[in-house]
């Protein structure tokens, strides 16, 4: 199976690394000086929490032509970059496309790529990319699937990752799942901007930490009123019946590098993506009657541009 990972940021490099070390036929698409660096020296990842580095000579290209065919293309670009590659994907003969990452408009991409088999996924990885290496972590976990509740792609998905250590959760309500994920992360992102990307500043502010938790719950309640299912279901419990456990998780983020890797780094390096996700999510909320007083206060700290 020929696999292309389209995008060589934190997500793309970690996904390519995982597939490559499992002997998959994987190619990575990178651009500019980063393409030259990978072509010359390979993909170098400094793995946080594992205290080790890896360097692999993964096949790399810098463009996708209408002559290139892959059995599956994983798109790991930031959300703000997705529309720009739709024409490229439409002109390419590859039929199966999987968008990996944040997305509030999954159905819209099905409409833009009508001739393709389009799926969506979320790969648990975080960190940042430098000029020479990727400084990050990943959890060997991916939630992936369709948005139409159909199970027709389940076995195909499993075949892609057969022989890898990836722990798959196949979810065929990915539009609901992705909207739920944005509802969960946005209040954490607001806190990143409020603190200047330093969660340590709020580590002793119990009231503020609980305001983050209550904001997530408010956003979840809005989604429920609009007819979306909050997924995974355990996340709703995390901010309602298990608030103390959620609070302790937040404290852990504030006292360790976990907050930087999971939230602050991406809030800083992907600011345009966060602004767009917030804008689209708040437009969605405008259709609901549920009030979001805690989230409204925190949301004021997101940058305008």
C-alpha atoms as a PDB file:
ATOM      1  CA  UNK A   1       0.000   0.000   0.000  1.00  0.00           C
ATOM      2  CA  UNK A   2       1.468   3.335  -1.093  1.00  0.00           C
ATOM      3  CA  UNK A   3       0.909   5.976   1.593  1.00  0.00           C
ATOM      4  CA  UNK A   4       1.494   9.720   1.328  1.00  0.00           C
ATOM      5  CA  UNK A   5       1.633  11.979   4.376  1.00  0.00           C
ATOM      6  CA  UNK A   6       0.861  15.436   2.968  1.00  0.00           C
ATOM      7  CA  UNK A   7       2.405  17.910   5.394  1.00  0.00           C
ATOM      8  CA  UNK A   8       5.606  17.656   7.419  1.00  0.00           C
ATOM      9  CA  UNK A   9       4.781  19.469  10.637  1.00  0.00           C
ATOM     10  CA  UNK A  10       4.546  17.830  14.050  1.00  0.00           C
ATOM     11  CA  UNK A  11       1.607  15.592  13.080  1.00  0.00           C
ATOM     12  CA  UNK A  12       2.955  14.641   9.667  1.00  0.00           C
ATOM     13  CA  UNK A  13       6.486  13.809  10.787  1.00  0.00           C
ATOM     14  CA  UNK A  14       5.286  11.729  13.740  1.00  0.00           C
ATOM     15  CA  UNK A  15       2.779   9.849  11.598  1.00  0.00           C
ATOM     16  CA  UNK A  16       5.373   9.205   8.880  1.00  0.00           C
ATOM     17  CA  UNK A  17       7.824   8.040  11.548  1.00  0.00           C
ATOM     18  CA  UNK A  18       5.327   5.589  13.017  1.00  0.00           C
ATOM     19  CA  UNK A  19       4.467   4.151   9.596  1.00  0.00           C
ATOM     20  CA  UNK A  20       8.100   4.035   8.432  1.00  0.00           C
ATOM     21  CA  UNK A  21       9.369   2.146  11.463  1.00  0.00           C
ATOM     22  CA  UNK A  22       6.595  -0.425  10.822  1.00  0.00           C
ATOM     23  CA  UNK A  23       8.006  -0.993   7.295  1.00  0.00           C
ATOM     24  CA  UNK A  24       5.159   0.758   5.504  1.00  0.00           C
ATOM     25  CA  UNK A  25       5.692   2.236   2.029  1.00  0.00           C
ATOM     26  CA  UNK A  26       5.366   5.848   3.163  1.00  0.00           C
ATOM     27  CA  UNK A  27       6.287   9.125   1.464  1.00  0.00           C
ATOM     28  CA  UNK A  28       6.327  12.520   3.166  1.00  0.00           C
ATOM     29  CA  UNK A  29       5.471  15.783   1.393  1.00  0.00           C
ATOM     30  CA  UNK A  30       7.380  18.809   2.681  1.00  0.00           C
ATOM     31  CA  UNK A  31       8.162  22.201   1.212  1.00  0.00           C
ATOM     32  CA  UNK A  32      10.882  24.822   1.050  1.00  0.00           C
ATOM     33  CA  UNK A  33      13.943  24.586   3.261  1.00  0.00           C
ATOM     34  CA  UNK A  34      12.271  21.871   5.380  1.00  0.00           C
ATOM     35  CA  UNK A  35      12.025  19.663   2.289  1.00  0.00           C
ATOM     36  CA  UNK A  36      15.727  20.242   1.621  1.00  0.00           C
ATOM     37  CA  UNK A  37      16.598  19.432   5.239  1.00  0.00           C
ATOM     38  CA  UNK A  38      14.659  16.144   5.190  1.00  0.00           C
ATOM     39  CA  UNK A  39      16.033  15.181   1.782  1.00  0.00           C
ATOM     40  CA  UNK A  40      19.586  15.834   2.947  1.00  0.00           C
ATOM     41  CA  UNK A  41      19.517  14.646   6.569  1.00  0.00           C
ATOM     42  CA  UNK A  42      16.287  12.681   7.051  1.00  0.00           C
ATOM     43  CA  UNK A  43      13.494  13.218   9.571  1.00  0.00           C
ATOM     44  CA  UNK A  44      14.877  13.871  13.058  1.00  0.00           C
ATOM     45  CA  UNK A  45      12.494  13.726  16.003  1.00  0.00           C
ATOM     46  CA  UNK A  46      13.368  14.478  19.600  1.00  0.00           C
ATOM     47  CA  UNK A  47      10.877  12.383  21.531  1.00  0.00           C
ATOM     48  CA  UNK A  48       9.733  14.087  24.709  1.00  0.00           C
ATOM     49  CA  UNK A  49       9.208  11.859  27.752  1.00  0.00           C
ATOM     50  CA  UNK A  50      11.154   9.041  26.028  1.00  0.00           C
ATOM     51  CA  UNK A  51      14.516  10.845  26.203  1.00  0.00           C
ATOM     52  CA  UNK A  52      15.651   9.660  22.799  1.00  0.00           C
ATOM     53  CA  UNK A  53      16.051  10.886  19.243  1.00  0.00           C
ATOM     54  CA  UNK A  54      15.242   9.135  15.973  1.00  0.00           C
ATOM     55  CA  UNK A  55      16.532   9.885  12.493  1.00  0.00           C
ATOM     56  CA  UNK A  56      15.065   8.179   9.432  1.00  0.00           C
ATOM     57  CA  UNK A  57      15.610   8.602   5.706  1.00  0.00           C
ATOM     58  CA  UNK A  58      11.939   8.714   4.813  1.00  0.00           C
ATOM     59  CA  UNK A  59      11.184   9.262   1.127  1.00  0.00           C
ATOM     60  CA  UNK A  60      10.273  12.929   0.644  1.00  0.00           C
ATOM     61  CA  UNK A  61       8.703  14.949  -2.187  1.00  0.00           C
ATOM     62  CA  UNK A  62       7.871  18.647  -2.459  1.00  0.00           C
ATOM     63  CA  UNK A  63       4.785  18.523  -4.687  1.00  0.00           C
ATOM     64  CA  UNK A  64       1.900  16.256  -5.669  1.00  0.00           C
ATOM     65  CA  UNK A  65       1.310  16.017  -9.402  1.00  0.00           C
ATOM     66  CA  UNK A  66      -1.614  14.604 -11.353  1.00  0.00           C
ATOM     67  CA  UNK A  67       0.612  11.636 -12.247  1.00  0.00           C
ATOM     68  CA  UNK A  68       1.270  10.492  -8.673  1.00  0.00           C
ATOM     69  CA  UNK A  69      -0.921   7.738  -7.264  1.00  0.00           C
ATOM     70  CA  UNK A  70      -1.231   6.678  -3.638  1.00  0.00           C
ATOM     71  CA  UNK A  71      -3.600   4.205  -2.023  1.00  0.00           C
ATOM     72  CA  UNK A  72      -4.222   6.747   0.722  1.00  0.00           C
ATOM     73  CA  UNK A  73      -3.216  10.358   1.322  1.00  0.00           C
ATOM     74  CA  UNK A  74      -3.102  11.561   4.924  1.00  0.00           C
ATOM     75  CA  UNK A  75      -3.419  15.355   4.964  1.00  0.00           C
ATOM     76  CA  UNK A  76      -1.766  16.723   8.104  1.00  0.00           C
ATOM     77  CA  UNK A  77      -1.776  20.448   7.324  1.00  0.00           C
ATOM     78  CA  UNK A  78      -3.178  23.084   9.638  1.00  0.00           C
ATOM     79  CA  UNK A  79      -6.872  23.792   9.216  1.00  0.00           C
ATOM     80  CA  UNK A  80      -6.238  27.173   7.567  1.00  0.00           C
ATOM     81  CA  UNK A  81      -4.222  25.471   4.805  1.00  0.00           C
ATOM     82  CA  UNK A  82      -6.734  22.827   3.757  1.00  0.00           C
ATOM     83  CA  UNK A  83      -8.745  24.781   1.186  1.00  0.00           C
ATOM     84  CA  UNK A  84      -5.595  25.636  -0.776  1.00  0.00           C
ATOM     85  CA  UNK A  85      -4.861  21.981  -1.555  1.00  0.00           C
ATOM     86  CA  UNK A  86      -8.381  20.945  -2.570  1.00  0.00           C
ATOM     87  CA  UNK A  87      -7.691  21.595  -6.304  1.00  0.00           C
ATOM     88  CA  UNK A  88      -4.452  19.576  -6.056  1.00  0.00           C
ATOM     89  CA  UNK A  89      -6.278  16.644  -4.465  1.00  0.00           C
ATOM     90  CA  UNK A  90      -9.107  16.808  -7.012  1.00  0.00           C
ATOM     91  CA  UNK A  91      -6.662  16.655  -9.937  1.00  0.00           C
ATOM     92  CA  UNK A  92      -4.699  13.773  -8.418  1.00  0.00           C
ATOM     93  CA  UNK A  93      -5.845  10.204  -9.297  1.00  0.00           C
ATOM     94  CA  UNK A  94      -5.603   8.981  -5.675  1.00  0.00           C
ATOM     95  CA  UNK A  95      -9.110   8.202  -4.427  1.00  0.00           C
ATOM     96  CA  UNK A  96      -8.780   7.969  -0.638  1.00  0.00           C
ATOM     97  CA  UNK A  97      -8.084  11.088   1.419  1.00  0.00           C
ATOM     98  CA  UNK A  98      -7.884  11.265   5.221  1.00  0.00           C
ATOM     99  CA  UNK A  99      -7.783  14.697   6.841  1.00  0.00           C
ATOM    100  CA  UNK A 100      -5.912  14.499  10.137  1.00  0.00           C
ATOM    101  CA  UNK A 101      -6.332  17.299  12.673  1.00  0.00           C
ATOM    102  CA  UNK A 102      -8.731  19.994  13.814  1.00  0.00           C
ATOM    103  CA  UNK A 103     -11.740  20.595  11.591  1.00  0.00           C
ATOM    104  CA  UNK A 104     -15.134  22.199  12.211  1.00  0.00           C
ATOM    105  CA  UNK A 105     -16.410  21.729   8.639  1.00  0.00           C
ATOM    106  CA  UNK A 106     -15.948  18.052   7.815  1.00  0.00           C
ATOM    107  CA  UNK A 107     -19.075  17.843   5.659  1.00  0.00           C
ATOM    108  CA  UNK A 108     -17.869  20.792   3.616  1.00  0.00           C
ATOM    109  CA  UNK A 109     -14.774  18.882   2.546  1.00  0.00           C
ATOM    110  CA  UNK A 110     -16.891  15.973   1.391  1.00  0.00           C
ATOM    111  CA  UNK A 111     -18.724  18.431  -0.863  1.00  0.00           C
ATOM    112  CA  UNK A 112     -15.422  19.858  -2.171  1.00  0.00           C
ATOM    113  CA  UNK A 113     -14.018  16.393  -2.940  1.00  0.00           C
ATOM    114  CA  UNK A 114     -17.102  14.625  -4.272  1.00  0.00           C
ATOM    115  CA  UNK A 115     -15.178  12.114  -6.386  1.00  0.00           C
ATOM    116  CA  UNK A 116     -13.010  10.995  -3.461  1.00  0.00           C
ATOM    117  CA  UNK A 117     -13.392   8.664  -0.511  1.00  0.00           C
ATOM    118  CA  UNK A 118     -12.924  11.213   2.283  1.00  0.00           C
ATOM    119  CA  UNK A 119     -12.354  10.290   5.920  1.00  0.00           C
ATOM    120  CA  UNK A 120     -11.242  12.236   8.967  1.00  0.00           C
ATOM    121  CA  UNK A 121      -8.989  11.497  11.877  1.00  0.00           C
ATOM    122  CA  UNK A 122      -7.216  12.886  14.889  1.00  0.00           C
ATOM    123  CA  UNK A 123      -3.711  11.762  15.838  1.00  0.00           C
ATOM    124  CA  UNK A 124      -2.636  12.419  19.424  1.00  0.00           C
ATOM    125  CA  UNK A 125       0.644  14.305  19.043  1.00  0.00           C
ATOM    126  CA  UNK A 126       2.014  17.646  20.157  1.00  0.00           C
ATOM    127  CA  UNK A 127       5.134  19.771  20.169  1.00  0.00           C
ATOM    128  CA  UNK A 128       6.854  22.088  17.721  1.00  0.00           C
ATOM    129  CA  UNK A 129       9.079  21.971  14.639  1.00  0.00           C
ATOM    130  CA  UNK A 130      12.425  23.718  14.396  1.00  0.00           C
ATOM    131  CA  UNK A 131      14.648  24.228  11.340  1.00  0.00           C
ATOM    132  CA  UNK A 132      16.486  20.978  11.990  1.00  0.00           C
ATOM    133  CA  UNK A 133      14.201  18.665  13.925  1.00  0.00           C
ATOM    134  CA  UNK A 134      10.767  18.060  15.435  1.00  0.00           C
ATOM    135  CA  UNK A 135      10.575  18.376  19.219  1.00  0.00           C
ATOM    136  CA  UNK A 136       7.455  16.468  20.200  1.00  0.00           C
ATOM    137  CA  UNK A 137       5.609  13.478  21.577  1.00  0.00           C
ATOM    138  CA  UNK A 138       2.903  11.167  20.301  1.00  0.00           C
ATOM    139  CA  UNK A 139       0.714   8.617  22.041  1.00  0.00           C
ATOM    140  CA  UNK A 140       0.246   5.917  19.374  1.00  0.00           C
ATOM    141  CA  UNK A 141      -3.459   6.798  19.371  1.00  0.00           C
ATOM    142  CA  UNK A 142      -5.695   7.774  16.489  1.00  0.00           C
ATOM    143  CA  UNK A 143      -9.442   8.276  16.199  1.00  0.00           C
ATOM    144  CA  UNK A 144     -10.445   7.878  12.565  1.00  0.00           C
ATOM    145  CA  UNK A 145     -13.451   7.195  10.381  1.00  0.00           C
ATOM    146  CA  UNK A 146     -16.271   8.510   8.218  1.00  0.00           C
ATOM    147  CA  UNK A 147     -18.950  11.074   9.047  1.00  0.00           C
ATOM    148  CA  UNK A 148     -21.954   9.146   7.679  1.00  0.00           C
ATOM    149  CA  UNK A 149     -22.150   6.448  10.415  1.00  0.00           C
ATOM    150  CA  UNK A 150     -21.284   3.802   7.798  1.00  0.00           C
ATOM    151  CA  UNK A 151     -18.838   1.013   8.666  1.00  0.00           C
ATOM    152  CA  UNK A 152     -17.854   0.319   5.062  1.00  0.00           C
ATOM    153  CA  UNK A 153     -14.307   1.664   5.547  1.00  0.00           C
ATOM    154  CA  UNK A 154     -13.549  -0.054   8.874  1.00  0.00           C
ATOM    155  CA  UNK A 155     -11.558  -3.004   7.514  1.00  0.00           C
ATOM    156  CA  UNK A 156      -9.695  -0.795   5.044  1.00  0.00           C
ATOM    157  CA  UNK A 157      -8.632   1.490   7.894  1.00  0.00           C
ATOM    158  CA  UNK A 158      -7.398  -1.471   9.907  1.00  0.00           C
ATOM    159  CA  UNK A 159      -5.378  -2.721   6.924  1.00  0.00           C
ATOM    160  CA  UNK A 160      -3.483   0.573   6.688  1.00  0.00           C
ATOM    161  CA  UNK A 161      -2.233   0.305  10.259  1.00  0.00           C
ATOM    162  CA  UNK A 162      -1.853  -3.469  10.437  1.00  0.00           C
ATOM    163  CA  UNK A 163       1.531  -4.265  11.936  1.00  0.00           C
ATOM    164  CA  UNK A 164       1.934  -0.852  13.570  1.00  0.00           C
ATOM    165  CA  UNK A 165       1.602   0.027  17.236  1.00  0.00           C
ATOM    166  CA  UNK A 166      -1.143   2.539  16.517  1.00  0.00           C
ATOM    167  CA  UNK A 167      -4.123   2.128  18.827  1.00  0.00           C
ATOM    168  CA  UNK A 168      -7.105   2.825  16.600  1.00  0.00           C
ATOM    169  CA  UNK A 169     -10.537   4.010  17.602  1.00  0.00           C
ATOM    170  CA  UNK A 170     -12.793   3.789  14.573  1.00  0.00           C
ATOM    171  CA  UNK A 171     -15.498   6.423  14.870  1.00  0.00           C
ATOM    172  CA  UNK A 172     -17.915   6.981  12.007  1.00  0.00           C
ATOM    173  CA  UNK A 173     -19.472  10.130  13.467  1.00  0.00           C
ATOM    174  CA  UNK A 174     -16.284  12.103  12.963  1.00  0.00           C
ATOM    175  CA  UNK A 175     -18.074  15.400  12.327  1.00  0.00           C
ATOM    176  CA  UNK A 176     -19.565  15.186  15.840  1.00  0.00           C
ATOM    177  CA  UNK A 177     -16.231  14.014  17.254  1.00  0.00           C
ATOM    178  CA  UNK A 178     -14.254  16.859  15.691  1.00  0.00           C
ATOM    179  CA  UNK A 179     -16.739  19.510  16.795  1.00  0.00           C
ATOM    180  CA  UNK A 180     -16.606  18.018  20.296  1.00  0.00           C
ATOM    181  CA  UNK A 181     -12.821  18.177  20.244  1.00  0.00           C
ATOM    182  CA  UNK A 182     -12.847  21.852  19.269  1.00  0.00           C
ATOM    183  CA  UNK A 183     -15.340  22.504  22.077  1.00  0.00           C
ATOM    184  CA  UNK A 184     -12.902  20.858  24.471  1.00  0.00           C
ATOM    185  CA  UNK A 185      -9.683  22.555  23.364  1.00  0.00           C
ATOM    186  CA  UNK A 186     -10.856  26.134  22.801  1.00  0.00           C
ATOM    187  CA  UNK A 187     -11.127  27.100  26.497  1.00  0.00           C
ATOM    188  CA  UNK A 188      -7.639  25.646  27.035  1.00  0.00           C
ATOM    189  CA  UNK A 189      -6.423  27.726  24.086  1.00  0.00           C
ATOM    190  CA  UNK A 190      -8.035  30.854  25.522  1.00  0.00           C
ATOM    191  CA  UNK A 191      -6.018  30.231  28.693  1.00  0.00           C
ATOM    192  CA  UNK A 192      -2.825  29.944  26.649  1.00  0.00           C
ATOM    193  CA  UNK A 193      -3.357  33.423  25.216  1.00  0.00           C
ATOM    194  CA  UNK A 194      -4.420  34.810  28.615  1.00  0.00           C
ATOM    195  CA  UNK A 195      -1.157  33.603  30.192  1.00  0.00           C
ATOM    196  CA  UNK A 196       1.122  34.528  27.301  1.00  0.00           C
ATOM    197  CA  UNK A 197       1.705  30.818  26.559  1.00  0.00           C
ATOM    198  CA  UNK A 198       2.761  30.098  30.154  1.00  0.00           C
ATOM    199  CA  UNK A 199       0.293  27.979  32.123  1.00  0.00           C
ATOM    200  CA  UNK A 200       2.527  28.298  35.188  1.00  0.00           C
ATOM    201  CA  UNK A 201       0.989  31.713  35.772  1.00  0.00           C
ATOM    202  CA  UNK A 202      -2.397  30.155  36.609  1.00  0.00           C
ATOM    203  CA  UNK A 203      -1.224  27.068  38.469  1.00  0.00           C
ATOM    204  CA  UNK A 204      -2.487  28.458  41.796  1.00  0.00           C
ATOM    205  CA  UNK A 205      -5.585  30.185  40.415  1.00  0.00           C
ATOM    206  CA  UNK A 206      -8.232  27.638  41.323  1.00  0.00           C
ATOM    207  CA  UNK A 207     -11.119  29.857  40.233  1.00  0.00           C
ATOM    208  CA  UNK A 208      -9.638  30.362  36.764  1.00  0.00           C
ATOM    209  CA  UNK A 209      -8.911  26.661  36.299  1.00  0.00           C
ATOM    210  CA  UNK A 210     -12.498  25.806  37.147  1.00  0.00           C
ATOM    211  CA  UNK A 211     -13.652  28.524  34.754  1.00  0.00           C
ATOM    212  CA  UNK A 212     -11.847  26.614  31.962  1.00  0.00           C
ATOM    213  CA  UNK A 213     -13.656  23.417  32.939  1.00  0.00           C
ATOM    214  CA  UNK A 214     -17.041  25.149  33.113  1.00  0.00           C
ATOM    215  CA  UNK A 215     -16.407  26.732  29.694  1.00  0.00           C
ATOM    216  CA  UNK A 216     -15.865  23.314  28.129  1.00  0.00           C
ATOM    217  CA  UNK A 217     -19.100  22.085  29.702  1.00  0.00           C
ATOM    218  CA  UNK A 218     -20.969  25.092  28.326  1.00  0.00           C
ATOM    219  CA  UNK A 219     -19.664  24.425  24.819  1.00  0.00           C
ATOM    220  CA  UNK A 220     -20.628  20.757  25.105  1.00  0.00           C
ATOM    221  CA  UNK A 221     -24.146  21.734  26.184  1.00  0.00           C
ATOM    222  CA  UNK A 222     -24.461  23.963  23.131  1.00  0.00           C
ATOM    223  CA  UNK A 223     -23.471  21.117  20.821  1.00  0.00           C
ATOM    224  CA  UNK A 224     -26.014  18.836  22.476  1.00  0.00           C
ATOM    225  CA  UNK A 225     -28.762  21.400  22.004  1.00  0.00           C
ATOM    226  CA  UNK A 226     -27.844  21.706  18.317  1.00  0.00           C
ATOM    227  CA  UNK A 227     -28.247  17.944  17.888  1.00  0.00           C
ATOM    228  CA  UNK A 228     -24.606  16.869  17.898  1.00  0.00           C
ATOM    229  CA  UNK A 229     -23.375  13.979  20.000  1.00  0.00           C
ATOM    230  CA  UNK A 230     -20.525  14.807  22.383  1.00  0.00           C
ATOM    231  CA  UNK A 231     -17.763  12.326  21.592  1.00  0.00           C
ATOM    232  CA  UNK A 232     -16.096  10.539  23.189  1.00  0.00           C
ATOM    233  CA  UNK A 233     -18.821  10.332  25.803  1.00  0.00           C
ATOM    234  CA  UNK A 234     -16.275  10.107  28.607  1.00  0.00           C
ATOM    235  CA  UNK A 235     -15.172  13.696  27.897  1.00  0.00           C
ATOM    236  CA  UNK A 236     -18.551  15.091  28.978  1.00  0.00           C
ATOM    237  CA  UNK A 237     -18.255  13.191  32.245  1.00  0.00           C
ATOM    238  CA  UNK A 238     -14.734  14.596  32.627  1.00  0.00           C
ATOM    239  CA  UNK A 239     -16.063  18.168  32.917  1.00  0.00           C
ATOM    240  CA  UNK A 240     -19.265  17.352  34.833  1.00  0.00           C
ATOM    241  CA  UNK A 241     -19.331  14.378  37.194  1.00  0.00           C
ATOM    242  CA  UNK A 242     -15.515  14.096  37.258  1.00  0.00           C
ATOM    243  CA  UNK A 243     -14.632  17.784  37.590  1.00  0.00           C
ATOM    244  CA  UNK A 244     -12.082  17.165  40.359  1.00  0.00           C
ATOM    245  CA  UNK A 245     -10.196  14.726  38.127  1.00  0.00           C
ATOM    246  CA  UNK A 246     -10.291  17.277  35.315  1.00  0.00           C
ATOM    247  CA  UNK A 247      -9.022  19.960  37.707  1.00  0.00           C
ATOM    248  CA  UNK A 248      -6.078  17.755  38.695  1.00  0.00           C
ATOM    249  CA  UNK A 249      -5.277  17.223  35.008  1.00  0.00           C
ATOM    250  CA  UNK A 250      -5.232  20.994  34.521  1.00  0.00           C
ATOM    251  CA  UNK A 251      -2.925  21.384  37.525  1.00  0.00           C
ATOM    252  CA  UNK A 252      -0.598  18.808  35.987  1.00  0.00           C
ATOM    253  CA  UNK A 253      -0.541  20.817  32.753  1.00  0.00           C
ATOM    254  CA  UNK A 254       0.344  23.940  34.718  1.00  0.00           C
ATOM    255  CA  UNK A 255       3.178  22.393  36.717  1.00  0.00           C
ATOM    256  CA  UNK A 256       4.828  20.367  33.932  1.00  0.00           C
ATOM    257  CA  UNK A 257       5.762  20.628  30.263  1.00  0.00           C
ATOM    258  CA  UNK A 258       2.477  18.911  29.403  1.00  0.00           C
ATOM    259  CA  UNK A 259       0.682  22.245  29.084  1.00  0.00           C
ATOM    260  CA  UNK A 260       3.318  23.524  26.664  1.00  0.00           C
ATOM    261  CA  UNK A 261       3.287  20.415  24.496  1.00  0.00           C
ATOM    262  CA  UNK A 262      -0.480  19.818  24.493  1.00  0.00           C
ATOM    263  CA  UNK A 263      -1.737  23.396  24.190  1.00  0.00           C
ATOM    264  CA  UNK A 264       0.628  26.365  24.414  1.00  0.00           C
ATOM    265  CA  UNK A 265       3.035  25.401  21.622  1.00  0.00           C
ATOM    266  CA  UNK A 266       0.219  24.878  19.140  1.00  0.00           C
ATOM    267  CA  UNK A 267      -1.672  27.976  20.305  1.00  0.00           C
ATOM    268  CA  UNK A 268       1.483  29.976  19.574  1.00  0.00           C
ATOM    269  CA  UNK A 269       2.644  28.330  16.346  1.00  0.00           C
ATOM    270  CA  UNK A 270      -0.842  27.707  14.971  1.00  0.00           C
ATOM    271  CA  UNK A 271      -2.424  31.012  15.960  1.00  0.00           C
ATOM    272  CA  UNK A 272      -4.205  31.492  12.621  1.00  0.00           C
ATOM    273  CA  UNK A 273      -5.701  28.018  12.917  1.00  0.00           C
ATOM    274  CA  UNK A 274      -6.964  28.756  16.431  1.00  0.00           C
ATOM    275  CA  UNK A 275      -8.495  32.053  15.313  1.00  0.00           C
ATOM    276  CA  UNK A 276     -10.339  30.340  12.450  1.00  0.00           C
ATOM    277  CA  UNK A 277     -11.545  27.451  14.619  1.00  0.00           C
ATOM    278  CA  UNK A 278     -12.829  29.898  17.216  1.00  0.00           C
ATOM    279  CA  UNK A 279     -14.573  32.033  14.608  1.00  0.00           C
ATOM    280  CA  UNK A 280     -16.347  29.073  13.009  1.00  0.00           C
ATOM    281  CA  UNK A 281     -17.249  27.520  16.337  1.00  0.00           C
ATOM    282  CA  UNK A 282     -18.696  30.763  17.672  1.00  0.00           C
ATOM    283  CA  UNK A 283     -20.763  31.087  14.477  1.00  0.00           C
ATOM    284  CA  UNK A 284     -22.097  27.619  15.218  1.00  0.00           C
ATOM    285  CA  UNK A 285     -22.954  28.647  18.779  1.00  0.00           C
ATOM    286  CA  UNK A 286     -24.950  31.611  17.486  1.00  0.00           C
ATOM    287  CA  UNK A 287     -27.636  29.129  16.431  1.00  0.00           C
ATOM    288  CA  UNK A 288     -28.167  27.898  20.003  1.00  0.00           C
ATOM    289  CA  UNK A 289     -30.137  29.260  22.954  1.00  0.00           C
ATOM    290  CA  UNK A 290     -27.741  27.937  25.614  1.00  0.00           C
ATOM    291  CA  UNK A 291     -25.798  30.684  27.348  1.00  0.00           C
ATOM    292  CA  UNK A 292     -22.009  30.427  27.754  1.00  0.00           C
ATOM    293  CA  UNK A 293     -21.066  33.037  30.392  1.00  0.00           C
ATOM    294  CA  UNK A 294     -17.766  31.453  31.485  1.00  0.00           C
ATOM    295  CA  UNK A 295     -16.594  30.824  27.923  1.00  0.00           C
ATOM    296  CA  UNK A 296     -17.588  34.339  26.858  1.00  0.00           C
ATOM    297  CA  UNK A 297     -15.199  35.796  29.440  1.00  0.00           C
ATOM    298  CA  UNK A 298     -12.275  33.576  28.436  1.00  0.00           C
ATOM    299  CA  UNK A 299     -12.865  33.957  24.690  1.00  0.00           C
ATOM    300  CA  UNK A 300     -12.021  37.670  24.834  1.00  0.00           C
ATOM    301  CA  UNK A 301      -8.324  36.808  25.054  1.00  0.00           C
ATOM    302  CA  UNK A 302      -8.059  35.096  21.678  1.00  0.00           C
ATOM    303  CA  UNK A 303      -6.112  37.295  19.202  1.00  0.00           C
ATOM    304  CA  UNK A 304      -7.936  39.105  16.418  1.00  0.00           C
ATOM    305  CA  UNK A 305      -5.201  38.303  13.892  1.00  0.00           C
END
